[in-house]
């Protein structure tokens, strides 16, 4: 009997094997890494080339069966969210612990499911989860668990060596990213269900720089609000942290109308976020629980189903529309501009920003 605290070197999980075995106080701990099944829903399609996405449950069970005899305890380290973790635990045999992420759930105590301990410690390093277990006869016989807060308002004794290292990094970052590049006259506020002023601004920028008829941007790619006042390069990098390139493509008016209807469906169902728009205006009404398109224009003119339009967006959203949505567009062109770089340069050249919600998306009663 022993009570080791679990400590995992994440980097080792990226080795050739999908698992690693650690020896801790005489206990052999097998660790299996798992990503979410719907990886294509959260990652750019271009980054998934050559990857085969398999069933997490079947894959994990195959590995458990392979390493069970070599271990005294098996930990499944996931990044798929607490609900999929619960389903995964229900389907597994001979696993002991599931440590999860992705849904940012803060579990103050483990959830026991199918004799498996499920843990998740929230997000943004606010807590460190510490699990101490007693392993007897290849099973967890007893355990204690705590969430250790990692954020404090002040410390009594400063670690001078660590403080010096932090300050050295801070100076380098400040020199590059903390210079003011513009002034925001109104608060930037995101929305994944309705038109937002920051969404309008960002879509306007990519539409302007590509001379497209309209522009789209996934709301989920806008990661931060910003209060009125000075705007720094760091602010834009935090708002747009992904390496998404601006692209253009051609679509028919009928496809543009279909994209608008998808936006309405997203707003009504709340299953996923809408795309922010520029160049497009549309109105809809909810009838018997479903959204019905009433009117739609591009550049002020009714959308002609037979006409060809140019759309500007980012490669991530383009991949979602073509690979997951099944759309077939023409003449896709990738620009050399990262979305974040393009916005930074635009602000430098147009430093006064007054973003408004302009009724591009209207829900009628």
Protein backbone atom coordinates (compact mmCIF):
# COMPACT_ATOMS: atom_id res chain seq x y z
CA UNK A 1 0.00 0.00 0.00
CA UNK A 2 1.28 3.47 -0.84
CA UNK A 3 -0.08 6.96 -1.47
CA UNK A 4 1.73 8.71 -4.32
CA UNK A 5 0.57 12.12 -5.54
CA UNK A 6 0.00 12.05 -9.30
CA UNK A 7 2.44 14.23 -11.20
CA UNK A 8 2.48 13.94 -15.02
CA UNK A 9 5.04 15.28 -17.48
CA UNK A 10 2.77 16.43 -20.27
CA UNK A 11 5.48 16.71 -22.88
CA UNK A 12 6.20 12.98 -22.74
CA UNK A 13 2.68 12.24 -23.96
CA UNK A 14 3.64 13.56 -27.38
CA UNK A 15 6.08 10.72 -27.93
CA UNK A 16 5.45 7.96 -30.46
CA UNK A 17 3.34 5.90 -28.06
CA UNK A 18 -0.18 7.06 -27.13
CA UNK A 19 0.59 6.25 -23.50
CA UNK A 20 3.37 6.34 -20.94
CA UNK A 21 4.05 4.34 -17.78
CA UNK A 22 5.51 6.07 -14.71
CA UNK A 23 6.79 4.50 -11.52
CA UNK A 24 5.81 6.47 -8.42
CA UNK A 25 6.68 5.18 -4.96
CA UNK A 26 6.68 1.67 -6.31
CA UNK A 27 3.34 2.02 -8.11
CA UNK A 28 3.26 1.65 -11.89
CA UNK A 29 0.95 4.35 -13.29
CA UNK A 30 -0.15 4.15 -16.91
CA UNK A 31 -1.23 7.42 -18.51
CA UNK A 32 -3.22 7.53 -21.77
CA UNK A 33 -3.74 10.82 -23.64
CA UNK A 34 -7.02 11.52 -25.44
CA UNK A 35 -8.25 14.44 -27.56
CA UNK A 36 -11.89 15.19 -28.22
CA UNK A 37 -13.61 13.22 -30.95
CA UNK A 38 -14.91 16.37 -32.67
CA UNK A 39 -11.44 17.82 -33.18
CA UNK A 40 -12.48 19.14 -36.59
CA UNK A 41 -15.03 21.34 -34.82
CA UNK A 42 -12.42 23.27 -32.84
CA UNK A 43 -9.25 23.13 -34.93
CA UNK A 44 -8.45 24.50 -38.35
CA UNK A 45 -8.92 21.82 -41.00
CA UNK A 46 -5.47 22.62 -42.43
CA UNK A 47 -3.91 21.48 -39.13
CA UNK A 48 -5.63 18.08 -39.26
CA UNK A 49 -4.13 16.87 -42.54
CA UNK A 50 -2.81 13.34 -42.16
CA UNK A 51 -4.59 12.75 -38.85
CA UNK A 52 -7.02 9.88 -38.36
CA UNK A 53 -9.67 10.65 -35.74
CA UNK A 54 -10.73 7.45 -34.01
CA UNK A 55 -13.35 6.70 -31.38
CA UNK A 56 -11.90 7.77 -27.99
CA UNK A 57 -13.67 4.97 -26.12
CA UNK A 58 -12.52 2.17 -28.42
CA UNK A 59 -8.99 3.55 -28.69
CA UNK A 60 -8.59 3.97 -24.93
CA UNK A 61 -9.95 0.51 -24.19
CA UNK A 62 -7.55 -1.03 -26.69
CA UNK A 63 -4.61 0.63 -24.92
CA UNK A 64 -5.93 -0.28 -21.45
CA UNK A 65 -6.11 -3.93 -22.50
CA UNK A 66 -2.55 -3.63 -23.79
CA UNK A 67 -0.97 -2.08 -20.68
CA UNK A 68 -3.18 -3.35 -17.85
CA UNK A 69 -0.78 -6.15 -16.94
CA UNK A 70 2.12 -3.69 -16.89
CA UNK A 71 0.46 -1.22 -14.50
CA UNK A 72 -1.08 -0.96 -11.04
CA UNK A 73 -3.18 2.09 -11.90
CA UNK A 74 -4.42 3.63 -15.17
CA UNK A 75 -5.08 7.35 -15.69
CA UNK A 76 -6.84 8.67 -18.79
CA UNK A 77 -5.81 12.26 -19.49
CA UNK A 78 -8.45 13.89 -21.71
CA UNK A 79 -9.28 17.15 -23.42
CA UNK A 80 -12.90 16.71 -24.43
CA UNK A 81 -15.14 18.14 -21.67
CA UNK A 82 -16.84 16.76 -18.60
CA UNK A 83 -19.92 15.29 -20.31
CA UNK A 84 -17.88 13.24 -22.82
CA UNK A 85 -15.66 12.20 -19.90
CA UNK A 86 -18.71 10.79 -18.11
CA UNK A 87 -19.71 8.85 -21.21
CA UNK A 88 -16.14 7.63 -21.65
CA UNK A 89 -15.98 6.39 -18.05
CA UNK A 90 -19.23 4.46 -18.51
CA UNK A 91 -17.70 2.50 -21.39
CA UNK A 92 -14.28 1.66 -19.93
CA UNK A 93 -13.01 -1.43 -18.11
CA UNK A 94 -10.01 -1.42 -15.75
CA UNK A 95 -9.40 2.36 -15.79
CA UNK A 96 -9.00 4.14 -12.46
CA UNK A 97 -8.92 7.91 -13.02
CA UNK A 98 -10.01 10.33 -15.75
CA UNK A 99 -8.41 13.79 -15.56
CA UNK A 100 -10.18 16.11 -17.99
CA UNK A 101 -10.15 19.53 -19.56
CA UNK A 102 -11.81 21.58 -22.33
CA UNK A 103 -15.14 22.38 -20.64
CA UNK A 104 -13.42 24.41 -17.87
CA UNK A 105 -15.44 22.58 -15.22
CA UNK A 106 -14.30 23.01 -11.62
CA UNK A 107 -15.02 19.82 -9.68
CA UNK A 108 -14.41 20.35 -5.98
CA UNK A 109 -14.55 16.59 -5.46
CA UNK A 110 -14.14 13.68 -7.88
CA UNK A 111 -17.22 12.31 -9.59
CA UNK A 112 -17.28 8.54 -9.25
CA UNK A 113 -18.58 6.87 -12.41
CA UNK A 114 -18.30 3.15 -13.14
CA UNK A 115 -15.77 2.93 -10.27
CA UNK A 116 -13.63 5.56 -12.03
CA UNK A 117 -12.67 8.91 -10.48
CA UNK A 118 -13.39 11.89 -12.75
CA UNK A 119 -11.45 15.10 -12.06
CA UNK A 120 -11.31 18.55 -13.63
CA UNK A 121 -9.76 21.66 -12.08
CA UNK A 122 -11.39 24.53 -13.96
CA UNK A 123 -9.35 26.77 -16.24
CA UNK A 124 -6.76 29.54 -16.53
CA UNK A 125 -4.54 28.02 -13.80
CA UNK A 126 -6.88 29.20 -11.04
CA UNK A 127 -6.59 25.84 -9.27
CA UNK A 128 -4.24 22.89 -9.13
CA UNK A 129 -5.94 19.56 -8.52
CA UNK A 130 -4.10 17.20 -6.18
CA UNK A 131 -5.15 13.57 -5.95
CA UNK A 132 -3.53 11.18 -3.47
CA UNK A 133 -4.47 7.53 -3.80
CA UNK A 134 -3.97 4.22 -2.03
CA UNK A 135 -3.48 1.47 -4.60
CA UNK A 136 -4.19 -2.10 -3.50
CA UNK A 137 -4.37 -5.14 -5.77
CA UNK A 138 -4.44 -3.10 -8.99
CA UNK A 139 -7.26 -0.84 -7.76
CA UNK A 140 -7.72 2.50 -6.02
CA UNK A 141 -8.66 1.47 -2.48
CA UNK A 142 -8.86 5.00 -1.03
CA UNK A 143 -8.13 8.56 -2.03
CA UNK A 144 -8.05 12.19 -0.94
CA UNK A 145 -8.48 15.14 -3.24
CA UNK A 146 -8.18 18.90 -3.03
CA UNK A 147 -8.23 21.94 -5.30
CA UNK A 148 -5.29 24.16 -4.45
CA UNK A 149 -5.88 27.85 -5.34
CA UNK A 150 -3.02 29.22 -7.41
CA UNK A 151 -4.17 32.84 -7.71
CA UNK A 152 -3.62 35.21 -4.81
CA UNK A 153 -3.89 38.97 -4.42
CA UNK A 154 -0.56 39.23 -2.61
CA UNK A 155 2.26 37.09 -1.24
CA UNK A 156 4.12 37.51 2.03
CA UNK A 157 7.51 36.44 0.74
CA UNK A 158 8.54 37.02 -2.86
CA UNK A 159 10.77 34.48 -4.57
CA UNK A 160 13.39 36.86 -5.89
CA UNK A 161 14.80 34.49 -8.51
CA UNK A 162 11.35 33.76 -9.94
CA UNK A 163 10.39 37.44 -9.79
CA UNK A 164 13.52 38.40 -11.73
CA UNK A 165 12.74 35.86 -14.43
CA UNK A 166 9.15 37.09 -14.71
CA UNK A 167 10.34 40.69 -15.01
CA UNK A 168 12.83 39.79 -17.73
CA UNK A 169 10.04 38.23 -19.78
CA UNK A 170 7.73 41.15 -19.03
CA UNK A 171 10.24 43.68 -20.37
CA UNK A 172 10.65 41.77 -23.63
CA UNK A 173 6.88 41.46 -24.08
CA UNK A 174 6.21 45.09 -23.17
CA UNK A 175 8.80 46.35 -25.62
CA UNK A 176 7.06 44.59 -28.50
CA UNK A 177 3.41 44.40 -27.55
CA UNK A 178 2.50 47.12 -25.05
CA UNK A 179 2.88 50.12 -27.32
CA UNK A 180 -0.37 51.96 -27.98
CA UNK A 181 -1.43 51.63 -31.63
CA UNK A 182 -4.87 53.23 -31.44
CA UNK A 183 -7.74 54.48 -29.32
CA UNK A 184 -11.06 52.70 -28.83
CA UNK A 185 -13.93 55.17 -28.35
CA UNK A 186 -16.53 52.54 -27.41
CA UNK A 187 -16.23 49.26 -25.52
CA UNK A 188 -15.72 46.25 -27.75
CA UNK A 189 -18.22 43.59 -26.66
CA UNK A 190 -18.43 40.12 -28.18
CA UNK A 191 -21.55 38.08 -28.85
CA UNK A 192 -21.90 34.57 -30.26
CA UNK A 193 -25.67 34.91 -30.78
CA UNK A 194 -26.16 38.38 -32.25
CA UNK A 195 -24.31 41.07 -34.16
CA UNK A 196 -21.51 42.63 -32.12
CA UNK A 197 -19.62 45.87 -32.59
CA UNK A 198 -16.24 44.14 -32.44
CA UNK A 199 -17.45 41.55 -34.94
CA UNK A 200 -18.56 44.35 -37.26
CA UNK A 201 -15.19 46.05 -37.02
CA UNK A 202 -13.13 42.93 -37.67
CA UNK A 203 -15.29 41.86 -40.60
CA UNK A 204 -15.11 45.39 -42.04
CA UNK A 205 -11.31 45.28 -41.87
CA UNK A 206 -10.92 42.04 -43.80
CA UNK A 207 -13.60 43.06 -46.32
CA UNK A 208 -11.92 46.41 -46.89
CA UNK A 209 -8.46 44.93 -47.40
CA UNK A 210 -9.65 42.22 -49.80
CA UNK A 211 -12.23 44.27 -51.70
CA UNK A 212 -14.76 41.47 -51.15
CA UNK A 213 -18.52 41.81 -51.52
CA UNK A 214 -19.08 40.51 -48.00
CA UNK A 215 -17.12 39.08 -45.09
CA UNK A 216 -17.73 36.46 -42.42
CA UNK A 217 -15.92 35.73 -39.16
CA UNK A 218 -16.70 33.01 -36.63
CA UNK A 219 -17.69 34.56 -33.31
CA UNK A 220 -15.72 31.93 -31.41
CA UNK A 221 -12.49 33.24 -32.91
CA UNK A 222 -12.96 36.57 -31.06
CA UNK A 223 -11.56 35.71 -27.65
CA UNK A 224 -11.72 38.89 -25.58
CA UNK A 225 -13.76 42.03 -24.93
CA UNK A 226 -11.94 45.34 -24.65
CA UNK A 227 -12.86 48.50 -22.76
CA UNK A 228 -12.73 51.91 -24.38
CA UNK A 229 -9.30 53.52 -24.22
CA UNK A 230 -5.81 52.78 -25.55
CA UNK A 231 -5.42 49.76 -27.81
CA UNK A 232 -2.12 47.86 -27.82
CA UNK A 233 -0.71 45.17 -30.06
CA UNK A 234 -1.07 42.78 -27.14
CA UNK A 235 -4.81 43.53 -26.97
CA UNK A 236 -5.26 42.49 -30.59
CA UNK A 237 -3.15 39.35 -30.13
CA UNK A 238 -5.31 38.38 -27.16
CA UNK A 239 -8.51 39.09 -29.09
CA UNK A 240 -7.26 37.14 -32.13
CA UNK A 241 -4.75 34.60 -30.75
CA UNK A 242 -5.04 32.02 -33.52
CA UNK A 243 -2.79 31.77 -36.57
CA UNK A 244 -5.68 32.22 -39.00
CA UNK A 245 -4.97 33.59 -42.46
CA UNK A 246 -7.40 35.82 -44.33
CA UNK A 247 -8.72 34.16 -47.48
CA UNK A 248 -11.26 34.92 -50.20
CA UNK A 249 -13.53 32.67 -52.19
CA UNK A 250 -16.35 32.94 -54.70
CA UNK A 251 -19.87 31.72 -54.01
CA UNK A 252 -23.25 31.96 -55.65
CA UNK A 253 -26.06 34.10 -54.28
CA UNK A 254 -27.90 30.91 -53.41
CA UNK A 255 -24.95 29.77 -51.31
CA UNK A 256 -24.80 33.18 -49.62
CA UNK A 257 -28.48 32.83 -48.72
CA UNK A 258 -27.79 29.36 -47.36
CA UNK A 259 -24.99 30.74 -45.19
CA UNK A 260 -27.37 33.37 -43.84
CA UNK A 261 -29.97 30.72 -43.04
CA UNK A 262 -27.28 28.74 -41.21
CA UNK A 263 -26.55 31.86 -39.19
CA UNK A 264 -30.22 32.22 -38.28
CA UNK A 265 -30.37 28.55 -37.29
CA UNK A 266 -27.33 29.01 -35.05
CA UNK A 267 -28.85 32.06 -33.38
CA UNK A 268 -32.11 30.25 -32.67
CA UNK A 269 -30.79 26.82 -31.68
CA UNK A 270 -27.77 28.14 -29.73
CA UNK A 271 -25.92 24.94 -30.63
CA UNK A 272 -22.98 26.96 -31.92
CA UNK A 273 -22.00 30.58 -32.46
CA UNK A 274 -23.03 32.66 -35.44
CA UNK A 275 -20.70 34.26 -37.96
CA UNK A 276 -20.25 38.01 -37.70
CA UNK A 277 -20.83 39.79 -41.01
CA UNK A 278 -19.87 42.77 -43.16
CA UNK A 279 -21.52 43.78 -46.43
CA UNK A 280 -24.53 41.63 -45.54
CA UNK A 281 -27.75 42.77 -43.89
CA UNK A 282 -30.61 40.44 -43.11
CA UNK A 283 -33.72 40.14 -40.96
CA UNK A 284 -35.55 37.10 -39.66
CA UNK A 285 -38.47 36.09 -37.49
CA UNK A 286 -38.96 33.05 -35.25
CA UNK A 287 -42.05 31.10 -36.28
CA UNK A 288 -43.00 27.93 -34.40
CA UNK A 289 -39.53 27.71 -32.91
CA UNK A 290 -37.67 28.10 -36.20
CA UNK A 291 -36.00 31.13 -37.71
CA UNK A 292 -37.35 32.31 -41.07
CA UNK A 293 -35.36 34.64 -43.30
CA UNK A 294 -37.36 37.72 -44.22
CA UNK A 295 -34.94 39.87 -46.20
CA UNK A 296 -31.25 39.73 -47.14
CA UNK A 297 -28.98 42.10 -49.04
CA UNK A 298 -25.33 42.33 -50.06
CA UNK A 299 -23.99 45.86 -50.41
CA UNK A 300 -27.56 47.17 -50.17
CA UNK A 301 -28.97 45.11 -53.04
CA UNK A 302 -31.23 42.04 -52.79
CA UNK A 303 -29.17 38.88 -53.11
CA UNK A 304 -29.40 37.42 -56.60
CA UNK A 305 -29.30 33.59 -56.31
CA UNK A 306 -27.62 33.33 -59.72
CA UNK A 307 -24.96 35.99 -59.17
CA UNK A 308 -21.38 35.24 -58.11
CA UNK A 309 -20.12 37.06 -55.00
CA UNK A 310 -16.70 37.28 -53.37
CA UNK A 311 -16.48 36.54 -49.65
CA UNK A 312 -13.59 37.26 -47.30
CA UNK A 313 -13.06 35.20 -44.16
CA UNK A 314 -10.32 33.25 -42.33
CA UNK A 315 -9.03 29.84 -43.34
CA UNK A 316 -10.42 28.23 -40.18
CA UNK A 317 -14.01 29.18 -41.01
CA UNK A 318 -13.52 28.29 -44.67
CA UNK A 319 -12.40 24.81 -43.60
CA UNK A 320 -15.43 24.42 -41.35
CA UNK A 321 -17.80 25.43 -44.13
CA UNK A 322 -16.27 23.19 -46.78
CA UNK A 323 -15.18 20.14 -44.78
CA UNK A 324 -17.93 20.03 -42.17
CA UNK A 325 -20.69 22.04 -43.81
CA UNK A 326 -20.37 20.42 -47.21
CA UNK A 327 -20.19 23.69 -49.17
CA UNK A 328 -18.36 23.73 -52.49
CA UNK A 329 -16.96 27.17 -53.26
CA UNK A 330 -14.82 28.36 -56.15
CA UNK A 331 -11.51 30.20 -56.54
CA UNK A 332 -10.29 30.16 -52.94
CA UNK A 333 -7.31 32.50 -52.56
CA UNK A 334 -5.17 32.71 -49.43
CA UNK A 335 -3.75 36.13 -48.69
CA UNK A 336 -0.36 36.53 -46.98
CA UNK A 337 -2.05 38.22 -44.00
CA UNK A 338 -2.65 36.72 -40.60
CA UNK A 339 -5.94 38.08 -39.28
CA UNK A 340 -4.25 39.57 -36.21
CA UNK A 341 -1.46 41.23 -38.24
CA UNK A 342 -3.94 42.74 -40.67
CA UNK A 343 -6.00 44.26 -37.85
CA UNK A 344 -2.89 45.63 -36.13
CA UNK A 345 -1.72 47.34 -39.31
CA UNK A 346 -5.19 48.72 -39.98
CA UNK A 347 -5.37 50.25 -36.51
CA UNK A 348 -1.94 51.81 -36.92
CA UNK A 349 -3.18 53.51 -40.08
CA UNK A 350 -6.64 54.35 -38.66
CA UNK A 351 -6.01 54.77 -34.93
CA UNK A 352 -9.39 56.17 -33.86
CA UNK A 353 -11.94 53.35 -33.56
CA UNK A 354 -15.65 53.96 -33.07
CA UNK A 355 -17.39 50.60 -33.42
CA UNK A 356 -21.18 50.32 -33.38
CA UNK A 357 -23.88 47.70 -33.76
CA UNK A 358 -25.50 48.76 -37.01
CA UNK A 359 -28.51 46.51 -37.48
CA UNK A 360 -26.83 44.14 -39.89
CA UNK A 361 -28.61 41.25 -38.21
CA UNK A 362 -32.19 41.99 -37.14
CA UNK A 363 -34.62 39.71 -35.36
CA UNK A 364 -38.18 40.86 -36.00
CA UNK A 365 -41.07 40.21 -33.64
